[in-house]
Amino acid sequence: MASRLKEGIRLYRSKRWELALAEFLATEGADNEENADIAYYLGLCFTKLGRYDDALLYLEQVVTSGTDPLRAHQCRMALAYVYMLTGRSRLAEFELKKLIEKGFESVQIYSSLGFAAWQQKRVDPSIEYYRKAHGIDAENANALNGLGFVLVDSDSDPRRGLVFCKMAVERKPQNPAYLDSLGWAHYKNGGIPEARTWLRRALDLAPRREEIVNHMRVVVGEIPS
């Protein structure tokens, strides 16, 4: 059992998710200590593979066991990620706030809270969370992009939002989400040619991403904003 667990961990660290998953599934039913490790890695593997319902089962098991605070923290973050991907932003927010209650604060947590609030169309809390993330690390591209996009898309402060979106792209020039935000920010500030340029770059990197496609359709006049 121990050898298969070690092999699964090795495969997981090599990003060979399917093979790692097979090893971990073959070790289920081991002793209690190994079971905790197996549940942890199964949750992560299922998340990586997009099998979110299976992932939730194991991630929640690790969180509720409470045997390893660091792993519980990692699994709460993974739970929040899965909940946001599957449109359950309120549950994501619950998990993230639990982390803050336990003394964990980070750019990632506050940025995730900002996104969860935005998914619920709660603009002011979203801006506040992203500002907290930016306050922790003013150079973090994700925080810059999130804050910039919300300021722009909500028309709260389009000019300031454009500045933040530019800063995000300066730090991560090949990130299609950041390029999309910058294109949209130019559009919301009246810069149609610039919007097309940046959205085209975003589409070159992620041609099937629905939000980018829709932004471009708005900019070229195919659909209303």
Protein backbone atom coordinates (compact mmCIF):
# COMPACT_ATOMS: atom_id res chain seq x y z
CA MET A 1 0.00 0.00 0.00
CA ALA A 2 2.73 2.46 1.02
CA SER A 3 4.66 1.91 -2.21
CA ARG A 4 1.57 2.59 -4.35
CA LEU A 5 0.83 5.73 -2.36
CA LYS A 6 4.39 6.97 -2.93
CA GLU A 7 4.11 6.17 -6.63
CA GLY A 8 0.81 8.05 -6.81
CA ILE A 9 2.37 11.09 -5.16
CA ARG A 10 5.30 10.94 -7.59
CA LEU A 11 2.93 10.79 -10.56
CA TYR A 12 0.82 13.62 -9.14
CA ARG A 13 3.87 15.84 -8.76
CA SER A 14 4.76 15.01 -12.37
CA LYS A 15 1.28 16.23 -13.40
CA ARG A 16 0.28 12.80 -14.67
CA TRP A 17 -3.15 13.06 -13.11
CA GLU A 18 -4.85 9.99 -14.61
CA LEU A 19 -2.04 7.62 -13.66
CA ALA A 20 -1.79 9.16 -10.19
CA LEU A 21 -5.54 8.76 -9.72
CA ALA A 22 -5.35 5.06 -10.58
CA GLU A 23 -2.66 4.52 -7.94
CA PHE A 24 -4.59 6.37 -5.26
CA LEU A 25 -7.83 4.53 -6.01
CA ALA A 26 -5.96 1.23 -5.74
CA THR A 27 -4.79 2.15 -2.23
CA GLU A 28 -8.21 3.04 -0.76
CA GLY A 29 -8.96 1.06 2.38
CA ALA A 30 -5.47 1.47 3.82
CA ASP A 31 -4.83 2.33 7.48
CA ASN A 32 -6.21 5.56 8.92
CA GLU A 33 -3.04 7.60 8.44
CA GLU A 34 -2.74 6.59 4.80
CA ASN A 35 -6.45 7.14 4.24
CA ALA A 36 -6.02 10.81 5.12
CA ASP A 37 -3.24 11.13 2.54
CA ILE A 38 -5.26 9.24 -0.07
CA ALA A 39 -8.36 11.41 0.42
CA TYR A 40 -6.21 14.53 0.08
CA TYR A 41 -4.61 13.46 -3.19
CA LEU A 42 -7.82 12.00 -4.61
CA GLY A 43 -9.53 15.35 -4.06
CA LEU A 44 -6.72 17.17 -5.83
CA CYS A 45 -6.55 14.67 -8.70
CA PHE A 46 -10.28 14.82 -9.35
CA THR A 47 -10.07 18.63 -9.30
CA LYS A 48 -7.24 18.64 -11.85
CA LEU A 49 -9.21 16.27 -14.08
CA GLY A 50 -12.39 18.35 -13.91
CA ARG A 51 -14.37 15.65 -12.11
CA TYR A 52 -15.76 18.12 -9.64
CA ASP A 53 -18.48 16.09 -7.92
CA ASP A 54 -15.93 13.40 -7.09
CA ALA A 55 -13.45 16.06 -5.97
CA LEU A 56 -15.94 17.61 -3.55
CA LEU A 57 -16.47 14.28 -1.80
CA TYR A 58 -12.80 13.90 -0.90
CA LEU A 59 -11.96 17.56 -0.33
CA GLU A 60 -14.80 17.89 2.18
CA GLN A 61 -13.58 14.73 3.90
CA VAL A 62 -10.16 16.29 4.49
CA VAL A 63 -11.64 19.59 5.70
CA THR A 64 -14.03 17.97 8.17
CA SER A 65 -11.41 15.56 9.55
CA GLY A 66 -9.38 18.49 10.88
CA THR A 67 -6.28 16.33 11.31
CA ASP A 68 -3.93 18.57 9.32
CA PRO A 69 -4.60 22.35 9.39
CA LEU A 70 -2.37 23.08 6.40
CA ARG A 71 -4.05 20.45 4.24
CA ALA A 72 -7.46 21.63 5.41
CA HIS A 73 -6.46 25.12 4.25
CA GLN A 74 -5.39 23.80 0.84
CA CYS A 75 -8.58 21.78 0.49
CA ARG A 76 -10.79 24.74 1.43
CA MET A 77 -9.09 26.71 -1.32
CA ALA A 78 -9.69 23.84 -3.74
CA LEU A 79 -13.32 23.62 -2.61
CA ALA A 80 -13.78 27.33 -3.23
CA TYR A 81 -12.22 26.94 -6.68
CA VAL A 82 -14.56 24.06 -7.57
CA TYR A 83 -17.60 25.91 -6.24
CA MET A 84 -16.80 28.99 -8.33
CA LEU A 85 -16.23 26.92 -11.46
CA THR A 86 -19.57 25.20 -10.97
CA GLY A 87 -21.50 28.42 -10.29
CA ARG A 88 -21.87 27.96 -6.54
CA SER A 89 -20.29 31.24 -5.54
CA ARG A 90 -22.06 31.49 -2.17
CA LEU A 91 -20.52 28.19 -1.07
CA ALA A 92 -17.15 29.39 -2.35
CA GLU A 93 -17.50 32.55 -0.29
CA PHE A 94 -18.38 30.48 2.79
CA GLU A 95 -15.20 28.39 2.48
CA LEU A 96 -13.00 31.43 1.90
CA LYS A 97 -14.43 33.29 4.89
CA LYS A 98 -13.77 30.22 7.03
CA LEU A 99 -10.10 30.50 6.08
CA ILE A 100 -10.01 34.14 7.17
CA GLU A 101 -11.71 33.22 10.45
CA LYS A 102 -8.91 30.74 11.08
CA GLY A 103 -6.25 33.39 10.56
CA PHE A 104 -5.34 32.79 6.93
CA GLU A 105 -5.11 35.91 4.79
CA SER A 106 -3.55 36.12 1.34
CA VAL A 107 -3.84 37.75 -2.05
CA GLN A 108 -5.34 34.51 -3.37
CA ILE A 109 -8.06 34.37 -0.71
CA TYR A 110 -9.14 37.99 -1.11
CA SER A 111 -8.98 37.83 -4.91
CA SER A 112 -11.13 34.70 -4.83
CA LEU A 113 -13.60 36.45 -2.53
CA GLY A 114 -13.67 39.36 -4.97
CA PHE A 115 -14.50 37.01 -7.82
CA ALA A 116 -17.14 35.17 -5.78
CA ALA A 117 -18.82 38.47 -4.90
CA TRP A 118 -18.68 39.55 -8.54
CA GLN A 119 -20.36 36.30 -9.60
CA GLN A 120 -23.20 37.25 -7.25
CA LYS A 121 -23.37 40.75 -8.81
CA ARG A 122 -22.31 42.33 -5.51
CA VAL A 123 -20.13 45.07 -6.91
CA ASP A 124 -19.10 47.01 -3.80
CA PRO A 125 -17.97 43.95 -1.79
CA SER A 126 -16.12 42.68 -4.87
CA ILE A 127 -14.19 45.93 -5.20
CA GLU A 128 -13.43 45.93 -1.48
CA TYR A 129 -12.06 42.38 -1.55
CA TYR A 130 -9.90 43.07 -4.59
CA ARG A 131 -8.59 46.23 -2.92
CA LYS A 132 -7.60 44.15 0.10
CA ALA A 133 -5.79 41.72 -2.20
CA HIS A 134 -4.04 44.63 -3.91
CA GLY A 135 -3.13 46.06 -0.50
CA ILE A 136 -1.34 42.84 0.43
CA ASP A 137 0.63 42.72 -2.84
CA ALA A 138 0.43 45.71 -5.16
CA GLU A 139 2.35 43.80 -7.85
CA ASN A 140 0.04 40.79 -8.00
CA ALA A 141 -1.33 40.52 -11.54
CA ASN A 142 -4.48 38.64 -10.54
CA ALA A 143 -5.47 41.27 -7.99
CA LEU A 144 -4.72 44.07 -10.45
CA ASN A 145 -6.76 42.43 -13.18
CA GLY A 146 -9.71 41.60 -10.92
CA LEU A 147 -9.88 45.09 -9.45
CA GLY A 148 -9.46 46.71 -12.85
CA PHE A 149 -12.12 44.60 -14.53
CA VAL A 150 -14.74 45.18 -11.83
CA LEU A 151 -14.12 48.93 -11.80
CA VAL A 152 -14.50 48.99 -15.58
CA ASP A 153 -17.35 46.57 -16.13
CA SER A 154 -19.49 48.07 -13.36
CA ASP A 155 -18.74 51.62 -14.58
CA SER A 156 -17.60 52.42 -11.04
CA ASP A 157 -14.34 54.00 -12.25
CA PRO A 158 -13.50 53.03 -15.86
CA ARG A 159 -10.39 55.22 -16.09
CA ARG A 160 -8.85 53.86 -12.93
CA GLY A 161 -9.85 50.36 -13.96
CA LEU A 162 -8.00 50.78 -17.26
CA VAL A 163 -4.83 51.66 -15.36
CA PHE A 164 -5.06 48.49 -13.27
CA CYS A 165 -5.75 46.33 -16.33
CA LYS A 166 -2.68 47.77 -18.07
CA MET A 167 -0.56 46.97 -15.03
CA ALA A 168 -1.82 43.37 -15.00
CA VAL A 169 -0.91 42.86 -18.67
CA GLU A 170 2.52 44.41 -18.11
CA ARG A 171 3.18 41.69 -15.54
CA LYS A 172 1.56 38.78 -17.43
CA PRO A 173 1.47 39.73 -21.14
CA GLN A 174 0.49 36.24 -22.33
CA ASN A 175 -2.51 35.75 -20.04
CA PRO A 176 -5.66 35.76 -22.23
CA ALA A 177 -7.94 36.75 -19.34
CA TYR A 178 -5.82 39.82 -18.63
CA LEU A 179 -5.65 40.74 -22.32
CA ASP A 180 -9.44 40.41 -22.48
CA SER A 181 -9.87 42.70 -19.47
CA LEU A 182 -7.59 45.29 -21.04
CA GLY A 183 -9.49 45.16 -24.31
CA TRP A 184 -12.79 45.53 -22.49
CA ALA A 185 -11.38 48.38 -20.41
CA HIS A 186 -10.41 50.27 -23.57
CA TYR A 187 -13.91 49.70 -24.96
CA LYS A 188 -15.55 51.02 -21.78
CA ASN A 189 -13.32 54.09 -22.05
CA GLY A 190 -14.28 54.70 -25.68
CA GLY A 191 -11.13 53.27 -27.26
CA ILE A 192 -12.60 50.98 -29.93
CA PRO A 193 -9.42 50.44 -32.02
CA GLU A 194 -7.38 49.61 -28.91
CA ALA A 195 -10.17 47.31 -27.68
CA ARG A 196 -10.08 45.33 -30.93
CA THR A 197 -6.30 45.01 -30.78
CA TRP A 198 -6.19 43.59 -27.26
CA LEU A 199 -9.23 41.38 -27.67
CA ARG A 200 -7.74 39.93 -30.85
CA ARG A 201 -4.60 39.06 -28.90
CA ALA A 202 -6.74 37.43 -26.22
CA LEU A 203 -8.64 35.41 -28.83
CA ASP A 204 -5.41 34.26 -30.45
CA LEU A 205 -4.48 32.65 -27.12
CA ALA A 206 -7.96 31.44 -26.12
CA PRO A 207 -10.19 31.33 -29.22
CA ARG A 208 -13.02 29.38 -27.57
CA ARG A 209 -13.31 31.31 -24.33
CA GLU A 210 -16.90 32.53 -24.30
CA GLU A 211 -16.38 35.78 -22.40
CA ILE A 212 -13.65 36.95 -24.77
CA VAL A 213 -15.74 36.03 -27.81
CA ASN A 214 -18.72 37.95 -26.44
CA HIS A 215 -16.62 41.01 -25.64
CA MET A 216 -15.31 41.06 -29.21
CA ARG A 217 -18.84 40.69 -30.59
CA VAL A 218 -19.92 43.72 -28.54
CA VAL A 219 -16.94 45.76 -29.70
CA VAL A 220 -17.55 45.01 -33.40
CA GLY A 221 -21.27 45.72 -33.01
CA GLU A 222 -22.65 42.19 -33.44
CA ILE A 223 -24.46 42.24 -30.09
CA PRO A 224 -25.45 45.05 -27.71
CA SER A 225 -23.33 45.78 -24.64
